[in-house]
Protein backbone atom coordinates (compact mmCIF):
# COMPACT_ATOMS: atom_id res chain seq x y z
CA MET A 1 0.00 0.00 0.00
CA MET A 2 2.79 2.43 0.88
CA LEU A 3 4.51 1.54 -2.37
CA LEU A 4 1.49 2.46 -4.38
CA GLN A 5 1.17 5.79 -2.63
CA GLU A 6 4.83 6.56 -3.26
CA ARG A 7 4.47 5.77 -6.97
CA ALA A 8 1.37 7.95 -7.18
CA THR A 9 3.19 10.76 -5.46
CA GLN A 10 6.14 10.46 -7.86
CA THR A 11 3.76 10.45 -10.83
CA ASP A 12 2.07 13.59 -9.58
CA GLN A 13 5.46 15.26 -9.12
CA HIS A 14 6.51 14.36 -12.66
CA ARG A 15 3.25 15.75 -14.04
CA SER A 16 3.74 18.99 -12.10
CA ARG A 17 7.26 19.28 -13.43
CA TYR A 18 6.07 18.72 -17.01
CA ARG A 19 3.32 21.30 -16.57
CA ALA A 20 5.80 23.76 -15.08
CA PHE A 21 8.23 23.08 -17.90
CA ASP A 22 5.53 23.47 -20.52
CA SER A 23 4.32 26.66 -18.86
CA PHE A 24 7.89 28.02 -18.72
CA THR A 25 8.65 27.15 -22.29
CA VAL A 26 5.61 28.85 -23.86
CA LYS A 27 5.77 31.90 -21.64
CA ASP A 28 9.48 32.37 -22.02
CA GLY A 29 9.28 31.61 -25.72
CA PHE A 30 6.83 34.43 -26.26
CA GLN A 31 8.97 36.71 -24.17
CA PHE A 32 12.06 35.68 -26.07
CA ILE A 33 10.41 36.22 -29.41
CA SER A 34 9.01 39.55 -28.25
CA SER A 35 12.42 40.63 -27.03
CA MET A 36 14.00 39.64 -30.39
CA ILE A 37 11.50 41.36 -32.68
CA LEU A 38 12.56 44.90 -31.83
CA PRO A 39 16.33 44.32 -32.23
CA LEU A 40 15.66 42.38 -35.44
CA MET A 41 13.54 45.18 -36.83
CA LEU A 42 16.12 47.70 -35.76
CA GLY A 43 18.80 45.60 -37.41
CA ILE A 44 16.83 45.32 -40.66
CA PHE A 45 16.05 49.04 -40.56
CA THR A 46 19.72 49.80 -39.96
CA VAL A 47 20.76 47.59 -42.89
CA VAL A 48 18.16 49.20 -45.18
CA ILE A 49 19.15 52.72 -44.12
CA THR A 50 22.85 51.88 -44.53
CA PHE A 51 22.25 50.42 -47.98
CA HIS A 52 20.18 53.44 -48.97
CA GLN A 53 22.84 55.82 -47.66
CA GLN A 54 25.58 53.93 -49.52
CA LYS A 55 23.52 53.97 -52.72
CA ALA A 56 22.77 57.69 -52.29
CA ALA A 57 26.46 58.37 -51.61
CA GLN A 58 27.46 56.40 -54.71
CA GLU A 59 24.92 58.25 -56.84
CA GLN A 60 26.17 61.54 -55.43
CA ARG A 61 29.76 60.59 -56.26
CA LEU A 62 28.72 59.68 -59.80
CA GLU A 63 26.81 62.93 -60.13
CA ASP A 64 29.78 64.89 -58.79
CA ARG A 65 32.09 63.12 -61.22
CA ASN A 66 29.71 63.81 -64.08
CA GLU A 67 29.44 67.48 -63.12
CA SER A 68 33.23 67.66 -62.85
CA ARG A 69 33.58 66.04 -66.27
CA ILE A 70 31.04 68.43 -67.79
CA GLN A 71 32.79 71.39 -66.16
CA ARG A 72 36.18 70.23 -67.47
CA GLU A 73 34.71 69.80 -70.96
CA GLN A 74 33.17 73.26 -70.81
CA GLU A 75 36.43 74.78 -69.61
CA LEU A 76 38.30 72.93 -72.36
CA TYR A 77 35.78 74.11 -74.98
CA ILE A 78 36.07 77.69 -73.75
CA ALA A 79 39.86 77.47 -73.78
CA VAL A 80 39.90 75.97 -77.30
CA THR A 81 37.40 78.56 -78.54
CA GLN A 82 39.43 81.37 -77.06
CA ASN A 83 42.61 79.96 -78.58
CA GLU A 84 40.93 79.63 -81.96
CA ALA A 85 39.59 83.18 -81.73
CA GLN A 86 43.02 84.45 -80.75
CA SER A 87 44.64 82.45 -83.56
CA GLU A 88 42.13 83.80 -86.08
CA ALA A 89 42.68 87.33 -84.83
CA LEU A 90 46.45 86.92 -85.06
CA MET A 91 46.16 85.44 -88.55
CA ALA A 92 43.88 88.25 -89.69
CA ARG A 93 46.28 90.83 -88.28
CA TYR A 94 49.21 89.08 -89.94
CA GLN A 95 47.44 88.97 -93.31
CA ASP A 96 46.48 92.62 -93.01
CA ASP A 97 50.12 93.45 -92.36
CA VAL A 98 51.20 91.40 -95.41
CA LEU A 99 48.62 93.15 -97.61
CA VAL A 100 49.54 96.63 -96.39
CA ALA A 101 53.24 95.94 -96.83
CA TYR A 102 52.68 94.56 -100.35
CA VAL A 103 50.61 97.54 -101.48
CA LYS A 104 53.21 99.96 -100.11
CA GLU A 105 56.14 98.15 -101.74
CA ILE A 106 54.42 97.88 -105.13
CA SER A 107 53.26 101.49 -104.90
CA ASP A 108 56.87 102.55 -104.30
CA LEU A 109 57.99 100.52 -107.33
CA LEU A 110 55.29 102.17 -109.45
CA LYS A 111 56.36 105.64 -108.34
CA GLU A 112 60.00 104.88 -109.01
CA ASN A 113 59.32 103.39 -112.48
CA ASN A 114 56.90 105.81 -114.09
CA GLY A 115 53.80 103.81 -113.16
CA SER A 116 54.91 100.52 -114.69
CA LEU A 117 56.16 97.26 -113.22
CA THR A 118 57.09 95.75 -116.58
CA ASN A 119 59.10 98.37 -118.49
CA ASN A 120 62.22 97.11 -116.72
CA SER A 121 62.93 93.38 -116.64
CA ILE A 122 64.53 93.49 -113.18
CA ILE A 123 61.62 95.41 -111.70
CA ALA A 124 59.20 92.99 -113.38
CA ILE A 125 60.94 90.01 -111.74
CA ILE A 126 60.91 91.72 -108.33
CA ALA A 127 57.24 92.67 -108.65
CA ARG A 128 56.28 89.17 -109.74
CA ALA A 129 58.15 87.59 -106.80
CA LYS A 130 56.56 89.99 -104.30
CA THR A 131 53.10 89.36 -105.77
CA LEU A 132 53.32 85.58 -105.74
CA ASN A 133 54.73 85.62 -102.21
CA ALA A 134 51.86 87.76 -100.96
CA VAL A 135 49.21 85.71 -102.78
CA ARG A 136 50.40 82.49 -101.14
CA GLN A 137 49.99 84.02 -97.67
CA LEU A 138 46.61 85.68 -98.10
CA ASP A 139 43.02 84.50 -98.13
CA GLN A 140 40.43 84.94 -100.85
CA SER A 141 39.19 88.40 -99.83
CA ARG A 142 42.67 89.89 -99.58
CA ASN A 143 43.79 88.26 -102.83
CA THR A 144 40.78 89.89 -104.46
CA GLN A 145 42.11 93.22 -103.19
CA ILE A 146 45.53 92.48 -104.71
CA ILE A 147 44.00 91.72 -108.12
CA ARG A 148 41.84 94.85 -107.92
CA PHE A 149 44.86 96.96 -106.93
CA LEU A 150 46.96 95.66 -109.83
CA TYR A 151 44.06 95.89 -112.28
CA GLU A 152 43.18 99.46 -111.33
CA ALA A 153 46.89 100.37 -111.50
CA ARG A 154 46.81 98.99 -115.08
CA GLN A 155 49.44 96.36 -114.31
CA LEU A 156 47.20 93.51 -115.49
CA THR A 157 46.38 95.25 -118.76
CA VAL A 158 48.13 94.74 -122.07
CA THR A 159 48.75 97.92 -124.08
CA GLN A 160 50.73 98.68 -127.17
CA GLU A 161 53.50 100.12 -125.04
CA LEU A 162 53.60 97.75 -122.06
CA SER A 163 52.88 94.13 -121.21
CA ALA A 164 50.91 92.95 -118.19
CA LEU A 165 52.60 91.78 -115.00
CA ASP A 166 53.36 88.05 -115.18
CA PHE A 167 50.79 86.55 -112.82
CA SER A 168 51.22 82.96 -113.99
CA THR A 169 51.23 80.06 -111.47
CA ALA A 170 49.28 82.17 -108.96
CA GLU A 171 46.48 80.13 -107.37
CA HIS A 172 43.20 81.75 -106.40
CA HIS A 173 40.14 80.20 -104.79
CA ASP A 174 36.54 81.42 -104.49
CA ILE A 175 37.07 84.76 -106.21
CA ASP A 176 33.99 86.52 -107.53
CA PHE A 177 35.22 88.64 -110.42
CA ARG A 178 32.04 90.68 -110.32
CA ASP A 179 33.66 92.42 -107.34
CA LEU A 180 36.45 93.54 -109.69
CA ALA A 181 34.28 94.46 -112.64
CA ILE A 182 33.23 98.02 -113.44
CA ASN A 183 29.71 98.37 -112.03
CA LYS A 184 29.99 94.62 -111.41
CA THR A 185 29.29 94.03 -115.12
CA LYS A 186 32.34 94.96 -117.23
CA LEU A 187 35.87 93.60 -117.04
CA PRO A 188 37.84 94.74 -120.10
CA LYS A 189 41.50 94.30 -120.95
CA ILE A 190 42.53 92.05 -118.07
CA SER A 191 45.37 89.59 -118.53
CA LEU A 192 45.53 86.57 -116.23
CA ASN A 193 47.39 84.13 -118.42
CA GLY A 194 48.76 81.08 -116.64
CA VAL A 195 46.76 81.52 -113.41
CA PHE A 196 44.91 78.77 -111.53
CA LEU A 197 41.32 79.67 -110.62
CA LYS A 198 39.09 77.39 -108.57
CA ASN A 199 35.44 78.10 -107.70
CA ALA A 200 35.69 81.41 -109.53
CA THR A 201 32.65 83.37 -110.73
CA PHE A 202 32.33 85.47 -113.90
CA ILE A 203 28.53 85.30 -114.11
CA GLY A 204 26.95 88.02 -116.25
CA ILE A 205 30.19 89.93 -116.89
CA GLU A 206 31.08 91.53 -120.23
CA MET A 207 34.72 90.76 -121.00
CA GLU A 208 36.53 92.27 -123.97
CA ASN A 209 40.19 91.94 -124.98
CA VAL A 210 40.94 89.48 -122.20
CA ASN A 211 43.80 87.00 -122.05
CA PHE A 212 43.33 83.70 -120.16
CA SER A 213 45.82 81.71 -122.21
CA SER A 214 47.46 78.73 -120.47
CA ALA A 215 45.24 79.26 -117.44
CA GLU A 216 43.38 76.57 -115.53
CA PHE A 217 39.75 76.87 -114.46
CA ASP A 218 38.27 74.39 -112.01
CA ASN A 219 34.58 74.52 -111.11
CA THR A 220 34.19 77.98 -112.60
CA SER A 221 31.08 79.69 -113.95
CA PHE A 222 31.01 81.88 -117.07
CA SER A 223 27.23 81.65 -117.21
CA SER A 224 25.53 84.49 -119.14
CA THR A 225 28.87 86.18 -119.87
CA TYR A 226 29.60 88.16 -122.99
CA LEU A 227 33.04 87.22 -124.34
CA PHE A 228 34.56 89.33 -127.09
CA ASN A 229 38.12 88.92 -128.29
CA VAL A 230 39.00 86.57 -125.43
CA ILE A 231 41.96 84.19 -125.57
CA PHE A 232 41.54 80.74 -123.99
CA SER A 233 44.29 79.05 -125.99
CA TYR A 234 46.06 76.19 -124.19
CA THR A 235 43.67 76.68 -121.29
CA ARG A 236 42.43 73.75 -119.20
CA PHE A 237 38.77 73.66 -118.13
CA ILE A 238 37.40 71.31 -115.46
CA ASN A 239 33.69 71.46 -114.58
CA VAL A 240 33.18 74.83 -116.25
CA ASN A 241 29.78 76.36 -117.00
CA PHE A 242 29.37 78.44 -120.18
CA SER A 243 25.58 78.16 -120.27
CA SER A 244 23.83 81.12 -121.93
CA ALA A 245 27.21 82.71 -122.69
CA GLU A 246 27.83 84.59 -125.95
CA PHE A 247 31.10 84.11 -127.84
CA ARG A 248 32.53 86.62 -130.30
CA SER A 249 36.11 86.23 -131.54
CA VAL A 250 36.97 83.78 -128.77
CA ASN A 251 40.06 81.64 -129.20
CA PHE A 252 39.84 78.11 -127.73
CA SER A 253 42.71 76.69 -129.77
CA SER A 254 44.52 73.78 -128.08
CA ALA A 255 42.27 74.19 -125.02
CA GLU A 256 41.30 71.15 -122.94
CA LEU A 257 37.72 70.79 -121.72
CA ASN A 258 36.67 68.25 -119.10
CA ASN A 259 32.98 68.18 -118.23
CA GLY A 260 31.80 71.58 -119.45
CA SER A 261 28.34 72.93 -120.15
CA PHE A 262 27.47 75.12 -123.18
CA HIS A 263 23.70 74.90 -122.77
CA LEU A 264 22.01 77.76 -124.65
CA ALA A 265 25.42 79.28 -125.38
CA ARG A 266 25.60 81.44 -128.54
CA LEU A 267 28.53 81.30 -130.93
CA ASN A 268 28.59 84.04 -133.56
CA PRO A 269 29.54 82.23 -136.80
CA TYR A 270 30.99 85.42 -138.26
CA SER A 271 32.98 86.45 -135.22
CA GLY A 272 36.05 84.35 -135.90
CA SER A 273 35.70 82.27 -132.71
CA THR A 274 37.80 79.11 -132.82
CA ILE A 275 37.36 75.94 -130.80
């Protein structure tokens, strides 16, 4: 009987222990979980904030680098532009000086030689050398001024007494000869034999007693010009437009024509023009 009571008592003790253990485990488990939620959330929040801050910092660094790059490019562009402007200004000043010096030197030669650069062979050689040297250094607008100066000084005109200044081998680009013509329409008695003209314009000009022998014309327009007693012998034409031009006593003997247009051009059969 005592044995049974002892066993019952032990069983009740075990059950109480299990209940106490179960009660402790659930209660403490909830407390443990509750105590871990806040640190876990704080940890996650900290990680998220840190990641966001790192991403924002990286984006800021990239933006700063991009702004620095753009600023450097702008500064470089400004510097290059300023250098180009300075270079252009220096070149313009240099070319102005060359032009002024040339006009003065040729004017002195004209004064010293009775208004002619060709009545003395030595003076003619000096004038030719000075002219070619200046032409090679100057741009289109200033070369136009040189031709106008020589033409108005009658140094590019052939007369019974004097020959024109030897202008051969001179190269000119983009010259509009209407700027040289009288009233932009008449250009008589000019001699430019042996010159090289590219992208030149003679549109609508009346030219009489003109010598272009042994010259070379590249991409040049004589459209609607009136040509009377003009010499083109031994001249080379490349992409030249003679459309609507009128020819009277024009000499094309031994000339070479590559890709030229004579659309609506008029050749006077009694004028003595030769092709």
